Structure formats: C-alpha cells, structure tokens
Amino acid sequence: MEEMLKEASNFYEDEYSDSVLYAFLSRGEKDPKLKEEFLRLSQIESSHAKFWYDFLVRRKIVPKKVKISKFKLFYVKFLRKLLGPGTMVSLLEMGENSAIQKYFKFLTKYKLNDEEKKIVSSIILDELEHERFFYESKKRFHVEHVRDFVLGMNDGLVELLGAVTGLSAVYLYNPKIVGISGLIVGVAGALSMGIGAFISVRSQRQVNESVRQRLEVLFKVSPERAKEELMTKLLESGMPKNIATEVAEKLSSNENAIINLLVQGGEENEIRSAIYTGLAYLTGVAFPVVPYFLASSSLIALPFSILLAGTALALVATAISILSGISIRKKIGEMVTTGLGAAFLSYLFGRLMESIFHISTL
C-alpha cells in the first residue's frame, strides 16, 4: 500500500510538472501547430494530475505542493532555442514513453477499483496518443536522427577522450602531436561512421525498393498471391487467423495498403543520415581535442580535456534526464563514470606503451 501511494504521488508530481512545462513551451512557441498542441497537452496533463490528486485524497493522503524548478524551465527554454523544435520534440517523446511503461506497470501491479482501472487505462491511451504526435512532429522537423546524433556525439567524446588521454601519457611535452593525432583519428572516425550510415540507409532503401517493385508485379499478375503474402505476414505478427483473414480480404483491392504493410523500414535520406552521424561524431571530438592545441604541455592540457569532455557528457545526460523523467544524478554518474573510466584505462595503456618503447625519447 505504501509503495502504491508513493508511486501515485510521483505520478501526481510528474503530471503537474508536465502540465506547467507544456504551458511554458506553448507560451514561447512560434510554430502555430506546436503552440496549439503544447497547450492541448498541458490541459490533458492537468486533468491527469487532478485524477492522481483525488486518488491520493481518497486514501487520506494530502499531496504536497509541487514546486516547479526554475532551472528546469530555463534549461528547456535554452534547449528549445539552441537545438530547435525538432530536437525538443524528440526529447519530450522519451518522457512520454517512460510514462507509458510506468502507468502500465502500476495498472497491472496494484488492486484498483473498476473506475480507477478505466481512468488509468485512459491515461495510458492519452500518453500513447502524445507519443504518436511527437513521432509525427519528428518526421515533420526531420529529426529522425536526433538520438543518433546524441549517441554519435557520445561516441566521439568517449573514444577521442580515451585516445588523447592515452597519447598524452606518451607525448608529455608535445601536446600538439596529441592534438593533431586526435584530430586525425576523429576525422577518420567521423568519415567511417558517416560512410557506414550512408551505406546502411541506402542499402535498406534499395532492399525496400526491390521488394516494392516485386510486389507491384505480383499484384498485377496475381492479386490472390499478394493477398496470401499479406495473410502470412499478419499471422507471423501474432494476429489471430480469423482477424488476419478479414483484414487481408478488406485490403485485397488496395494495392498501396498491402505494399506499405509488407515493405519494412522508413524512407530515410542516406545523405542526411551520413551528415548527421559524421557531424555528431566530430562534435564529440572537439571537446577533448581542443585543449591540446592551446596548452604548452600535455600535462596541462589533460585536465582541461577531461573537464570539457566530462562537462559535455554531463550536459547530454542532463538534457535526457530532465525531459525523460530519469534521475539526473544517476544518468550523469552513469555517462561521466563510463567515459572517464575509459579515459583512465587508456592513460594506463599509454604509460605502458611508453615504458616499453620509450617513444617520447625517440
């Protein structure tokens, strides 16, 4: 019972905070469609908060007054201006997905009356609808690569921090060699990741196009065979046979609908994907490498490199945490610890190579 009430209190605080957040975003949004949608979401989240408030009051618990962090609002406003509406929408989507999982767990774990089950189910449907809106908005703003950008930047940060930290243990008094070497490795890594993304997306698009052309021919030659393929696909997805038969029958005359169901994957642009991935990696590279071009020795550059990389990792972790309901401290600790841990091991390996080959004296 105590655990249930604690979770309900957290839901109330989250929904109330989200209502204020969406209202805040609505007031500062210039895009009319987003402005209207943020206001609508604020009203829906407010109704959810009222349900959880009443839920607690019925159990003799008076919820605490929710304090909205001014830092959070400032940070959201900063991210909106810095990264644009697309990235903001993508980050908000993470929060909606997190809420869906939490509500479903609550619904199936605790004993609720019929009315409460009905409302919690309705809240889950609302959150799913929010996620759909964010998904459609992401396509509209071409931000299908936002998460890839964050991950690519993280890769660049961690890999290059490790590389320059290891090299600084070898070239203690020649920081420019460390910086140039790191930059070469970073550019090569960015090109490799960009080319990899280009080939991957193009290959998927070519496979989709080949399957689409095959189905178009099949539909013209034998509509019945095309319907059989749709039936097979629906049954493989776990759909009951009677429903699959009915769906296939109703769609049998709609060529485009059948093809869209059978062809897997989106229509991503391979050039955009390559650019996003490569730039993400390079962005991560810049933080740990720049100090080596400015300092007089690697010993001086190293702490600044670690500080910049650690700060960048913390900012990325904070952005994800604030808008997705994850503990900021936990996420920052996770990302910074793993990144700096890799750098420490690289430094030890660099010292080992120096002790074996005496490179700095060559």
Protein backbone atom coordinates (compact mmCIF):
# COMPACT_ATOMS: atom_id res chain seq x y z
CA MET A 1 0.00 0.00 0.00
CA GLU A 2 2.79 2.41 0.96
CA GLU A 3 4.65 1.69 -2.28
CA MET A 4 1.48 2.27 -4.33
CA LEU A 5 0.84 5.62 -2.67
CA LYS A 6 4.43 6.68 -3.22
CA GLU A 7 4.16 5.89 -6.94
CA ALA A 8 0.82 7.71 -7.17
CA SER A 9 2.41 10.75 -5.50
CA ASN A 10 5.22 10.66 -8.06
CA PHE A 11 2.65 10.43 -10.87
CA TYR A 12 0.84 13.47 -9.49
CA GLU A 13 4.06 15.48 -9.30
CA ASP A 14 5.14 14.40 -12.80
CA GLU A 15 1.79 15.18 -14.40
CA TYR A 16 1.54 18.55 -12.65
CA SER A 17 5.10 19.43 -13.70
CA ASP A 18 4.45 18.31 -17.28
CA SER A 19 1.32 20.44 -17.41
CA VAL A 20 3.31 23.51 -16.38
CA LEU A 21 6.14 22.58 -18.77
CA TYR A 22 3.85 22.23 -21.79
CA ALA A 23 2.08 25.51 -20.93
CA PHE A 24 5.50 27.17 -20.67
CA LEU A 25 6.54 25.78 -24.06
CA SER A 26 3.24 26.88 -25.58
CA ARG A 27 3.73 30.49 -24.48
CA GLY A 28 7.13 30.72 -26.14
CA GLU A 29 6.43 28.65 -29.27
CA LYS A 30 6.26 30.44 -32.61
CA ASP A 31 5.19 27.45 -34.69
CA PRO A 32 1.35 27.65 -34.56
CA LYS A 33 0.77 23.89 -34.77
CA LEU A 34 3.23 23.12 -31.99
CA LYS A 35 1.92 26.01 -29.89
CA GLU A 36 -1.63 24.68 -30.09
CA GLU A 37 -0.53 21.11 -29.40
CA PHE A 38 1.58 22.05 -26.38
CA LEU A 39 -1.40 23.92 -24.92
CA ARG A 40 -3.66 20.91 -25.51
CA LEU A 41 -1.11 18.59 -23.89
CA SER A 42 -0.90 20.92 -20.90
CA GLN A 43 -4.66 20.67 -20.39
CA ILE A 44 -4.62 16.88 -20.67
CA GLU A 45 -1.72 16.53 -18.22
CA SER A 46 -3.57 18.84 -15.85
CA SER A 47 -6.58 16.50 -15.90
CA HIS A 48 -4.26 13.56 -15.22
CA ALA A 49 -2.76 15.41 -12.27
CA LYS A 50 -6.26 16.02 -10.87
CA PHE A 51 -7.02 12.29 -11.07
CA TRP A 52 -3.90 11.41 -9.09
CA TYR A 53 -4.61 14.17 -6.59
CA ASP A 54 -8.12 12.78 -5.99
CA PHE A 55 -6.71 9.23 -5.95
CA LEU A 56 -4.44 10.16 -3.03
CA VAL A 57 -7.07 12.22 -1.18
CA ARG A 58 -9.48 9.24 -1.26
CA ARG A 59 -6.77 7.31 0.60
CA LYS A 60 -6.36 10.05 3.24
CA ILE A 61 -3.13 11.43 1.70
CA VAL A 62 -2.88 15.15 1.00
CA PRO A 63 -0.31 15.64 -1.80
CA LYS A 64 2.47 18.11 -1.19
CA LYS A 65 2.51 21.33 -3.15
CA VAL A 66 4.55 20.77 -6.30
CA LYS A 67 7.48 23.13 -6.74
CA ILE A 68 8.44 23.72 -10.34
CA SER A 69 12.17 24.08 -10.81
CA LYS A 70 13.03 27.40 -12.45
CA PHE A 71 16.25 25.78 -13.60
CA LYS A 72 14.26 23.13 -15.47
CA LEU A 73 12.15 25.76 -17.25
CA PHE A 74 15.24 27.81 -18.07
CA TYR A 75 17.03 24.71 -19.35
CA VAL A 76 14.07 23.71 -21.52
CA LYS A 77 13.89 27.21 -22.98
CA PHE A 78 17.63 27.14 -23.61
CA LEU A 79 17.41 23.75 -25.38
CA ARG A 80 14.48 24.93 -27.49
CA LYS A 81 16.44 27.96 -28.72
CA LEU A 82 19.72 26.10 -29.11
CA LEU A 83 18.51 22.88 -30.73
CA GLY A 84 15.24 23.89 -32.37
CA PRO A 85 11.72 22.44 -32.12
CA GLY A 86 12.58 19.09 -33.67
CA THR A 87 15.14 18.11 -31.07
CA MET A 88 12.86 19.35 -28.28
CA VAL A 89 10.03 17.17 -29.60
CA SER A 90 12.35 14.17 -29.79
CA LEU A 91 13.48 14.60 -26.18
CA LEU A 92 9.91 15.07 -24.96
CA GLU A 93 8.96 11.81 -26.67
CA MET A 94 11.40 9.97 -24.39
CA GLY A 95 9.44 11.20 -21.39
CA GLU A 96 6.13 10.04 -22.83
CA ASN A 97 7.49 6.54 -23.48
CA SER A 98 8.80 6.37 -19.91
CA ALA A 99 5.38 7.40 -18.53
CA ILE A 100 3.58 4.72 -20.57
CA GLN A 101 5.74 1.96 -19.07
CA LYS A 102 5.29 3.25 -15.52
CA TYR A 103 1.49 3.53 -15.81
CA PHE A 104 1.12 0.07 -17.33
CA LYS A 105 3.18 -1.42 -14.50
CA PHE A 106 1.02 0.43 -11.95
CA LEU A 107 -2.20 -0.78 -13.63
CA THR A 108 -1.16 -4.45 -13.58
CA LYS A 109 0.61 -4.48 -10.20
CA TYR A 110 -1.90 -2.93 -7.78
CA LYS A 111 -5.52 -3.61 -6.89
CA LEU A 112 -7.69 -0.73 -8.16
CA ASN A 113 -11.46 -0.37 -8.40
CA ASP A 114 -13.13 -0.56 -11.82
CA GLU A 115 -13.42 3.21 -12.22
CA GLU A 116 -9.75 3.73 -11.38
CA LYS A 117 -8.69 0.99 -13.80
CA LYS A 118 -10.75 2.65 -16.51
CA ILE A 119 -9.18 6.07 -15.91
CA VAL A 120 -5.60 4.75 -15.67
CA SER A 121 -6.18 2.87 -18.95
CA SER A 122 -7.47 6.12 -20.44
CA ILE A 123 -4.35 7.93 -19.24
CA ILE A 124 -2.16 5.30 -20.93
CA LEU A 125 -4.10 5.84 -24.17
CA ASP A 126 -3.56 9.60 -23.82
CA GLU A 127 0.19 9.06 -23.36
CA LEU A 128 0.26 6.79 -26.41
CA GLU A 129 -1.52 9.50 -28.40
CA HIS A 130 1.06 12.03 -27.19
CA GLU A 131 3.83 9.72 -28.39
CA ARG A 132 2.14 9.50 -31.80
CA PHE A 133 2.03 13.30 -32.02
CA PHE A 134 5.71 13.54 -31.16
CA TYR A 135 6.52 10.86 -33.74
CA GLU A 136 4.66 12.76 -36.45
CA SER A 137 6.29 16.04 -35.38
CA LYS A 138 9.72 14.43 -35.58
CA LYS A 139 9.06 13.46 -39.19
CA ARG A 140 7.84 16.98 -39.89
CA PHE A 141 11.02 18.55 -38.50
CA HIS A 142 13.30 15.87 -39.98
CA VAL A 143 14.73 14.83 -36.63
CA GLU A 144 14.74 11.07 -37.15
CA HIS A 145 18.49 11.20 -36.45
CA VAL A 146 18.37 13.18 -33.19
CA ARG A 147 19.01 10.17 -30.99
CA ASP A 148 21.68 9.00 -33.42
CA PHE A 149 23.24 12.46 -33.08
CA VAL A 150 23.32 12.18 -29.28
CA LEU A 151 24.79 8.67 -29.45
CA GLY A 152 27.28 9.70 -32.15
CA MET A 153 28.40 12.68 -30.10
CA ASN A 154 28.79 10.43 -27.08
CA ASP A 155 30.90 8.02 -29.16
CA GLY A 156 33.14 10.86 -30.34
CA LEU A 157 33.54 12.16 -26.79
CA VAL A 158 34.38 8.83 -25.19
CA GLU A 159 36.57 7.46 -27.98
CA LEU A 160 38.63 10.60 -28.52
CA LEU A 161 38.94 11.34 -24.81
CA GLY A 162 40.39 7.86 -24.46
CA ALA A 163 42.69 8.35 -27.46
CA VAL A 164 44.14 11.74 -26.46
CA THR A 165 44.43 10.69 -22.81
CA GLY A 166 46.43 7.65 -23.82
CA LEU A 167 48.60 9.71 -26.21
CA SER A 168 49.20 12.37 -23.56
CA ALA A 169 50.87 9.70 -21.43
CA VAL A 170 53.32 9.13 -24.29
CA TYR A 171 53.88 12.71 -25.53
CA LEU A 172 54.04 14.53 -22.19
CA TYR A 173 55.74 17.64 -23.58
CA ASN A 174 54.40 17.71 -27.13
CA PRO A 175 50.66 18.44 -26.85
CA LYS A 176 50.29 19.43 -30.50
CA ILE A 177 51.21 15.91 -31.59
CA VAL A 178 48.48 14.65 -29.28
CA GLY A 179 46.01 17.21 -30.66
CA ILE A 180 46.86 16.53 -34.31
CA SER A 181 46.80 12.75 -33.77
CA GLY A 182 43.45 13.04 -32.01
CA LEU A 183 42.06 15.22 -34.79
CA ILE A 184 43.21 12.75 -37.46
CA VAL A 185 41.63 9.86 -35.55
CA GLY A 186 38.48 11.93 -35.03
CA VAL A 187 38.09 12.90 -38.69
CA ALA A 188 38.76 9.28 -39.76
CA GLY A 189 36.17 8.09 -37.23
CA ALA A 190 33.60 10.66 -38.40
CA LEU A 191 34.13 9.66 -42.05
CA SER A 192 33.88 5.99 -41.13
CA MET A 193 30.65 6.48 -39.21
CA GLY A 194 29.19 8.77 -41.88
CA ILE A 195 30.01 6.33 -44.69
CA GLY A 196 28.68 3.45 -42.62
CA ALA A 197 25.39 5.30 -42.04
CA PHE A 198 25.19 6.21 -45.76
CA ILE A 199 25.71 2.61 -46.88
CA SER A 200 23.34 1.21 -44.25
CA VAL A 201 20.46 3.56 -45.07
CA ARG A 202 20.96 3.31 -48.83
CA SER A 203 21.11 -0.49 -48.69
CA GLN A 204 17.88 -0.61 -46.68
CA ARG A 205 16.20 1.75 -49.13
CA GLN A 206 17.37 -0.34 -52.10
CA VAL A 207 16.07 -3.51 -50.46
CA ASN A 208 12.73 -1.80 -49.79
CA GLU A 209 12.53 -0.59 -53.39
CA SER A 210 13.32 -4.06 -54.72
CA VAL A 211 10.61 -5.62 -52.54
CA ARG A 212 8.17 -2.88 -53.55
CA GLN A 213 8.78 -3.49 -57.28
CA ARG A 214 8.38 -7.24 -56.80
CA LEU A 215 5.07 -6.75 -55.01
CA GLU A 216 3.79 -4.35 -57.68
CA VAL A 217 4.47 -7.01 -60.33
CA LEU A 218 2.94 -9.72 -58.14
CA PHE A 219 -0.18 -7.63 -57.53
CA LYS A 220 -0.71 -7.14 -61.26
CA VAL A 221 0.00 -10.78 -62.14
CA SER A 222 -1.74 -12.49 -59.21
CA PRO A 223 -3.69 -10.40 -56.67
CA GLU A 224 -4.57 -13.60 -54.82
CA ARG A 225 -0.89 -14.42 -54.28
CA ALA A 226 -0.30 -10.89 -52.96
CA LYS A 227 -3.19 -11.37 -50.53
CA GLU A 228 -1.65 -14.67 -49.38
CA GLU A 229 1.64 -12.92 -48.63
CA LEU A 230 -0.21 -10.33 -46.57
CA MET A 231 -2.01 -13.11 -44.69
CA THR A 232 1.31 -14.81 -43.92
CA LYS A 233 2.78 -11.54 -42.63
CA LEU A 234 -0.22 -10.83 -40.40
CA LEU A 235 -0.17 -14.36 -38.96
CA GLU A 236 3.59 -14.09 -38.29
CA SER A 237 2.93 -10.90 -36.30
CA GLY A 238 0.66 -12.89 -33.94
CA MET A 239 -2.69 -11.74 -35.30
CA PRO A 240 -5.48 -14.33 -34.88
CA LYS A 241 -6.29 -16.16 -38.13
CA ASN A 242 -9.91 -15.01 -38.34
CA ILE A 243 -8.93 -11.36 -37.94
CA ALA A 244 -5.98 -11.73 -40.35
CA THR A 245 -8.33 -13.25 -42.94
CA GLU A 246 -10.81 -10.38 -42.54
CA VAL A 247 -8.05 -7.71 -42.80
CA ALA A 248 -6.49 -9.36 -45.86
CA GLU A 249 -9.90 -9.63 -47.52
CA LYS A 250 -10.74 -5.97 -46.92
CA LEU A 251 -7.34 -4.80 -48.19
CA SER A 252 -7.19 -7.18 -51.15
CA SER A 253 -8.20 -4.45 -53.61
CA ASN A 254 -5.91 -1.79 -52.13
CA GLU A 255 -2.51 -2.31 -53.70
CA ASN A 256 -0.75 0.55 -51.89
CA ALA A 257 -2.02 -0.52 -48.47
CA ILE A 258 -0.77 -4.08 -48.93
CA ILE A 259 2.61 -2.95 -50.22
CA ASN A 260 3.06 -0.50 -47.34
CA LEU A 261 2.28 -3.25 -44.83
CA LEU A 262 4.69 -5.71 -46.42
CA VAL A 263 7.59 -3.34 -47.07
CA GLN A 264 9.53 -2.82 -43.84
CA GLY A 265 11.50 0.27 -42.85
CA GLY A 266 11.15 4.01 -43.33
CA GLU A 267 12.31 6.20 -46.19
CA GLU A 268 15.32 7.85 -44.58
CA ASN A 269 17.61 10.05 -46.61
CA GLU A 270 21.07 8.46 -46.71
CA ILE A 271 22.89 11.76 -47.30
CA ARG A 272 21.18 13.42 -44.34
CA SER A 273 21.86 10.34 -42.22
CA ALA A 274 25.57 10.40 -43.11
CA ILE A 275 25.87 14.14 -42.39
CA TYR A 276 24.08 13.88 -39.04
CA THR A 277 26.20 10.91 -37.95
CA GLY A 278 29.52 12.40 -39.07
CA LEU A 279 28.83 15.83 -37.56
CA ALA A 280 27.69 14.23 -34.30
CA TYR A 281 30.97 12.37 -34.00
CA LEU A 282 33.01 15.48 -34.86
CA THR A 283 31.11 17.50 -32.29
CA GLY A 284 32.11 14.98 -29.66
CA VAL A 285 35.71 15.01 -30.91
CA ALA A 286 36.10 18.78 -30.44
CA PHE A 287 35.74 18.81 -26.65
CA PRO A 288 38.65 16.57 -25.63
CA VAL A 289 40.99 17.60 -28.51
CA VAL A 290 40.94 21.45 -28.45
CA PRO A 291 42.98 21.91 -25.19
CA TYR A 292 45.99 20.18 -26.76
CA PHE A 293 46.28 22.94 -29.37
CA LEU A 294 46.28 25.64 -26.68
CA ALA A 295 48.39 24.26 -23.82
CA SER A 296 52.19 24.21 -23.54
CA SER A 297 52.31 20.59 -22.36
CA SER A 298 50.08 17.52 -22.34
CA LEU A 299 50.11 17.57 -18.54
CA ILE A 300 48.38 20.97 -18.63
CA ALA A 301 46.03 20.05 -21.48
CA LEU A 302 44.91 16.73 -19.98
CA PRO A 303 42.83 18.08 -17.04
CA PHE A 304 41.14 20.65 -19.31
CA SER A 305 40.40 17.93 -21.87
CA ILE A 306 38.84 15.76 -19.17
CA LEU A 307 36.91 18.74 -17.78
CA LEU A 308 35.47 19.73 -21.17
CA ALA A 309 34.58 16.15 -22.11
CA GLY A 310 33.07 15.47 -18.69
CA THR A 311 31.02 18.69 -18.86
CA ALA A 312 29.73 17.80 -22.34
CA LEU A 313 28.78 14.31 -21.15
CA ALA A 314 27.03 15.80 -18.12
CA LEU A 315 25.07 18.26 -20.30
CA VAL A 316 23.90 15.49 -22.63
CA ALA A 317 22.93 13.36 -19.63
CA THR A 318 21.09 16.30 -18.01
CA ALA A 319 19.14 17.04 -21.19
CA ILE A 320 18.00 13.44 -21.47
CA SER A 321 17.22 13.17 -17.75
CA ILE A 322 15.20 16.37 -17.36
CA LEU A 323 12.90 15.57 -20.25
CA SER A 324 12.58 11.83 -19.80
CA GLY A 325 11.94 11.51 -16.08
CA ILE A 326 15.24 9.74 -15.34
CA SER A 327 17.26 10.68 -12.25
CA ILE A 328 19.70 13.42 -13.28
CA ARG A 329 22.30 12.31 -10.75
CA LYS A 330 22.07 8.68 -11.85
CA LYS A 331 22.31 9.45 -15.58
CA ILE A 332 25.19 11.90 -15.19
CA GLY A 333 27.00 9.43 -12.95
CA GLU A 334 26.49 6.65 -15.48
CA MET A 335 27.70 8.60 -18.53
CA VAL A 336 30.55 10.51 -16.87
CA THR A 337 31.85 7.49 -14.95
CA THR A 338 31.97 5.25 -18.03
CA GLY A 339 33.55 7.99 -20.16
CA LEU A 340 36.22 8.96 -17.65
CA GLY A 341 36.79 5.33 -16.73
CA ALA A 342 37.63 4.56 -20.35
CA ALA A 343 39.97 7.56 -20.42
CA PHE A 344 41.77 6.37 -17.26
CA LEU A 345 42.32 2.90 -18.70
CA SER A 346 43.61 4.46 -21.93
CA TYR A 347 46.05 6.59 -19.95
CA LEU A 348 47.37 3.50 -18.17
CA PHE A 349 47.79 1.75 -21.51
CA GLY A 350 49.64 4.80 -22.87
CA ARG A 351 52.01 4.73 -19.89
CA LEU A 352 52.59 1.03 -20.52
CA MET A 353 53.47 1.67 -24.18
CA GLU A 354 55.82 4.49 -23.17
CA SER A 355 57.59 2.29 -20.62
CA ILE A 356 58.06 -0.46 -23.21
CA PHE A 357 59.02 1.53 -26.31
CA HIS A 358 60.25 4.86 -24.82
CA ILE A 359 58.52 6.75 -27.62
CA SER A 360 58.87 10.20 -26.04
CA THR A 361 62.68 9.93 -26.20
CA LEU A 362 62.77 8.96 -29.87
